[in-house]
């Protein structure tokens, strides 16, 4: 199966915290070879972003460690955090 067919038939899922309104969320889908597809719930017709297993693993690890937290986001200001080298 080629990637476009795989994406069309993918089992997309989103976080339960996002609620039932289908907005303000990203969806993810596991793909072959460990890849992961990502798409915006507000624009599912647009081409998804596909990352390798190692990129996805690094992202999830960083998210769990809080590396992407935006402490000042509620005030409309987002300060970037420096990531540690592996």
N, C-alpha and C. Protein backbone atom coordinates (compact mmCIF):
# COMPACT_ATOMS: atom_id res chain seq x y z
N UNK A 1 0.84 -1.17 0.00
CA UNK A 1 0.00 0.00 0.00
C UNK A 1 0.89 1.24 0.00
N UNK A 2 0.59 2.20 -0.88
CA UNK A 2 1.41 3.40 -0.89
C UNK A 2 0.95 4.36 0.21
N UNK A 3 1.75 5.39 0.48
CA UNK A 3 1.50 6.28 1.61
C UNK A 3 0.16 7.00 1.49
N UNK A 4 -0.20 7.46 0.30
CA UNK A 4 -1.47 8.19 0.17
C UNK A 4 -2.66 7.28 0.50
N UNK A 5 -2.62 6.01 0.08
CA UNK A 5 -3.68 5.07 0.43
C UNK A 5 -3.68 4.79 1.93
N UNK A 6 -2.49 4.67 2.47
CA UNK A 6 -2.37 4.40 3.90
C UNK A 6 -2.95 5.55 4.73
N UNK A 7 -2.67 6.79 4.32
CA UNK A 7 -3.20 7.95 5.04
C UNK A 7 -4.72 8.04 4.92
N UNK A 8 -5.24 7.71 3.76
CA UNK A 8 -6.68 7.76 3.54
C UNK A 8 -7.42 6.74 4.41
N UNK A 9 -6.80 5.61 4.67
CA UNK A 9 -7.41 4.55 5.45
C UNK A 9 -6.91 4.48 6.89
N UNK A 10 -6.13 5.47 7.31
CA UNK A 10 -5.52 5.46 8.64
C UNK A 10 -6.58 5.57 9.74
N UNK A 11 -6.23 5.04 10.90
CA UNK A 11 -7.08 5.12 12.10
C UNK A 11 -6.69 6.37 12.88
N UNK A 12 -7.27 7.51 12.50
CA UNK A 12 -6.95 8.79 13.14
C UNK A 12 -7.58 8.85 14.54
N UNK A 13 -6.83 9.41 15.48
CA UNK A 13 -7.37 9.58 16.83
C UNK A 13 -6.86 10.91 17.41
N UNK A 14 -7.61 11.41 18.38
CA UNK A 14 -7.23 12.66 19.03
C UNK A 14 -7.36 12.49 20.53
N UNK A 15 -6.82 13.43 21.26
CA UNK A 15 -6.86 13.37 22.72
C UNK A 15 -8.30 13.53 23.20
N UNK A 16 -8.66 12.79 24.23
CA UNK A 16 -10.01 12.89 24.78
C UNK A 16 -10.25 14.27 25.39
N UNK A 17 -9.22 14.95 25.81
CA UNK A 17 -9.36 16.28 26.39
C UNK A 17 -9.84 17.31 25.37
N UNK A 18 -9.69 17.03 24.09
CA UNK A 18 -10.05 18.00 23.06
C UNK A 18 -11.55 18.22 22.96
N UNK A 19 -12.34 17.31 23.46
CA UNK A 19 -13.79 17.47 23.45
C UNK A 19 -14.44 17.05 22.14
N UNK A 20 -15.75 17.13 22.09
CA UNK A 20 -16.50 16.62 20.95
C UNK A 20 -16.65 17.60 19.78
N UNK A 21 -16.18 18.84 19.89
CA UNK A 21 -16.45 19.84 18.86
C UNK A 21 -15.58 19.72 17.62
N UNK A 22 -14.64 18.79 17.58
CA UNK A 22 -13.76 18.54 16.43
C UNK A 22 -12.77 19.67 16.14
N UNK A 23 -12.65 20.66 16.98
CA UNK A 23 -11.73 21.76 16.73
C UNK A 23 -10.61 21.82 17.74
N UNK A 24 -9.66 22.71 17.50
CA UNK A 24 -8.56 22.98 18.42
C UNK A 24 -7.78 21.74 18.80
N UNK A 25 -7.52 20.88 17.83
CA UNK A 25 -6.84 19.65 18.18
C UNK A 25 -6.04 19.12 17.00
N UNK A 26 -5.07 18.31 17.31
CA UNK A 26 -4.34 17.54 16.31
C UNK A 26 -4.78 16.10 16.41
N UNK A 27 -4.80 15.42 15.28
CA UNK A 27 -5.06 13.99 15.27
C UNK A 27 -3.78 13.27 14.87
N UNK A 28 -3.60 12.08 15.35
CA UNK A 28 -2.44 11.26 14.99
C UNK A 28 -2.92 9.91 14.50
N UNK A 29 -2.11 9.29 13.66
CA UNK A 29 -2.43 7.95 13.16
C UNK A 29 -1.15 7.15 13.02
N UNK A 30 -1.12 5.94 13.55
CA UNK A 30 0.04 5.09 13.35
C UNK A 30 0.07 4.62 11.90
N UNK A 31 1.27 4.60 11.31
CA UNK A 31 1.46 4.19 9.93
C UNK A 31 2.50 3.08 9.85
N UNK A 32 2.69 2.54 8.69
CA UNK A 32 3.68 1.48 8.52
C UNK A 32 5.09 1.99 8.80
N UNK A 33 5.98 1.06 9.06
CA UNK A 33 7.39 1.35 9.33
C UNK A 33 7.57 2.26 10.54
N UNK A 34 6.58 2.30 11.45
CA UNK A 34 6.68 3.09 12.66
C UNK A 34 6.40 4.57 12.49
N UNK A 35 6.09 4.98 11.26
CA UNK A 35 5.82 6.40 11.02
C UNK A 35 4.50 6.79 11.69
N UNK A 36 4.34 8.13 11.86
CA UNK A 36 3.13 8.66 12.46
C UNK A 36 2.64 9.82 11.60
N UNK A 37 1.34 9.83 11.31
CA UNK A 37 0.73 10.94 10.59
C UNK A 37 0.11 11.90 11.58
N UNK A 38 0.19 13.20 11.28
CA UNK A 38 -0.39 14.25 12.12
C UNK A 38 -1.24 15.14 11.22
N UNK A 39 -2.44 15.51 11.69
CA UNK A 39 -3.27 16.44 10.92
C UNK A 39 -4.11 17.29 11.87
N UNK A 40 -4.57 18.42 11.35
CA UNK A 40 -5.40 19.35 12.08
C UNK A 40 -6.85 18.92 11.96
N UNK A 41 -7.57 18.81 13.08
CA UNK A 41 -8.97 18.39 13.03
C UNK A 41 -9.84 19.40 12.29
N UNK A 42 -9.40 20.65 12.25
CA UNK A 42 -10.18 21.68 11.56
C UNK A 42 -9.96 21.65 10.05
N UNK A 43 -8.97 20.91 9.58
CA UNK A 43 -8.68 20.84 8.15
C UNK A 43 -8.22 19.43 7.75
N UNK A 44 -9.05 18.42 8.00
CA UNK A 44 -8.64 17.05 7.70
C UNK A 44 -8.43 16.77 6.21
N UNK A 45 -8.93 17.66 5.36
CA UNK A 45 -8.75 17.48 3.92
C UNK A 45 -7.35 17.88 3.45
N UNK A 46 -6.62 18.62 4.28
CA UNK A 46 -5.25 19.02 3.93
C UNK A 46 -4.30 17.86 4.16
N UNK A 47 -3.20 17.88 3.43
CA UNK A 47 -2.21 16.81 3.54
C UNK A 47 -1.64 16.73 4.96
N UNK A 48 -1.63 15.54 5.55
CA UNK A 48 -1.05 15.38 6.88
C UNK A 48 0.47 15.50 6.84
N UNK A 49 1.04 15.74 7.99
CA UNK A 49 2.47 15.76 8.18
C UNK A 49 2.85 14.36 8.65
N UNK A 50 3.87 13.78 8.04
CA UNK A 50 4.29 12.42 8.41
C UNK A 50 5.71 12.47 8.95
N UNK A 51 5.91 11.85 10.11
CA UNK A 51 7.23 11.81 10.73
C UNK A 51 7.67 10.36 10.96
N UNK A 52 8.96 10.17 11.04
CA UNK A 52 9.51 8.84 11.30
C UNK A 52 9.29 8.46 12.77
N UNK A 53 9.48 7.18 13.05
CA UNK A 53 9.33 6.69 14.41
C UNK A 53 10.28 7.40 15.37
N UNK A 54 11.51 7.64 14.95
CA UNK A 54 12.48 8.28 15.85
C UNK A 54 12.12 9.74 16.13
N UNK A 55 11.59 10.43 15.14
CA UNK A 55 11.15 11.82 15.35
C UNK A 55 9.97 11.85 16.31
N UNK A 56 9.00 10.96 16.10
CA UNK A 56 7.83 10.89 16.98
C UNK A 56 8.25 10.56 18.41
N UNK A 57 9.14 9.59 18.58
CA UNK A 57 9.61 9.21 19.91
C UNK A 57 10.29 10.39 20.61
N UNK A 58 11.10 11.15 19.86
CA UNK A 58 11.79 12.31 20.45
C UNK A 58 10.78 13.38 20.85
N UNK A 59 9.76 13.59 20.02
CA UNK A 59 8.73 14.57 20.35
C UNK A 59 7.96 14.17 21.61
N UNK A 60 7.52 12.93 21.67
CA UNK A 60 6.77 12.45 22.83
C UNK A 60 7.62 12.55 24.10
N UNK A 61 8.88 12.18 24.00
CA UNK A 61 9.78 12.28 25.14
C UNK A 61 9.88 13.73 25.61
N UNK A 62 10.06 14.66 24.68
CA UNK A 62 10.14 16.08 25.04
C UNK A 62 8.85 16.61 25.64
N UNK A 63 7.72 16.16 25.08
CA UNK A 63 6.42 16.61 25.61
C UNK A 63 6.23 16.12 27.04
N UNK A 64 6.59 14.87 27.29
CA UNK A 64 6.45 14.33 28.65
C UNK A 64 7.36 15.04 29.64
N UNK A 65 8.49 15.53 29.17
CA UNK A 65 9.43 16.24 30.04
C UNK A 65 9.08 17.73 30.18
N UNK A 66 8.05 18.19 29.45
CA UNK A 66 7.65 19.59 29.54
C UNK A 66 8.47 20.53 28.69
N UNK A 67 9.24 20.01 27.75
CA UNK A 67 10.11 20.86 26.93
C UNK A 67 9.33 21.80 26.01
N UNK A 68 8.07 21.54 25.77
CA UNK A 68 7.28 22.37 24.87
C UNK A 68 6.23 23.19 25.61
N UNK A 69 6.25 23.15 26.94
CA UNK A 69 5.28 23.91 27.73
C UNK A 69 5.52 25.41 27.52
N UNK A 70 4.45 26.12 27.35
CA UNK A 70 4.53 27.58 27.21
C UNK A 70 3.88 28.19 28.44
N UNK A 71 4.68 28.42 29.46
CA UNK A 71 4.19 28.90 30.74
C UNK A 71 3.47 30.24 30.63
N UNK A 72 3.86 31.07 29.67
CA UNK A 72 3.27 32.39 29.56
C UNK A 72 2.23 32.46 28.45
N UNK A 73 1.81 31.34 27.92
CA UNK A 73 0.87 31.33 26.80
C UNK A 73 -0.44 32.03 27.15
N UNK A 74 -0.90 31.91 28.38
CA UNK A 74 -2.16 32.53 28.77
C UNK A 74 -2.09 34.06 28.71
N UNK A 75 -0.89 34.63 28.78
CA UNK A 75 -0.73 36.07 28.66
C UNK A 75 -0.44 36.49 27.23
N UNK A 76 -0.45 35.53 26.29
CA UNK A 76 -0.21 35.85 24.89
C UNK A 76 1.25 35.94 24.52
N UNK A 77 2.13 35.54 25.43
CA UNK A 77 3.57 35.59 25.16
C UNK A 77 4.12 34.19 25.30
N UNK A 78 4.87 33.78 24.32
CA UNK A 78 5.46 32.44 24.36
C UNK A 78 6.96 32.54 24.29
N UNK A 79 7.61 32.14 25.34
CA UNK A 79 9.08 32.14 25.39
C UNK A 79 9.59 30.77 24.97
N UNK A 80 10.47 30.70 23.98
CA UNK A 80 11.00 29.40 23.59
C UNK A 80 11.91 28.83 24.67
N UNK A 81 11.89 27.51 24.77
CA UNK A 81 12.78 26.83 25.71
C UNK A 81 13.91 26.20 24.92
N UNK A 82 15.08 26.16 25.50
CA UNK A 82 16.21 25.51 24.86
C UNK A 82 16.13 24.02 25.10
N UNK A 83 16.37 23.27 24.06
CA UNK A 83 16.37 21.81 24.19
C UNK A 83 17.79 21.35 24.43
N UNK A 84 17.93 20.36 25.29
CA UNK A 84 19.23 19.79 25.56
C UNK A 84 19.66 18.89 24.42
N UNK A 85 20.93 18.91 24.11
CA UNK A 85 21.45 18.03 23.08
C UNK A 85 21.39 16.59 23.56
N UNK A 86 21.09 15.66 22.64
CA UNK A 86 21.01 14.25 23.06
C UNK A 86 22.33 13.69 23.54
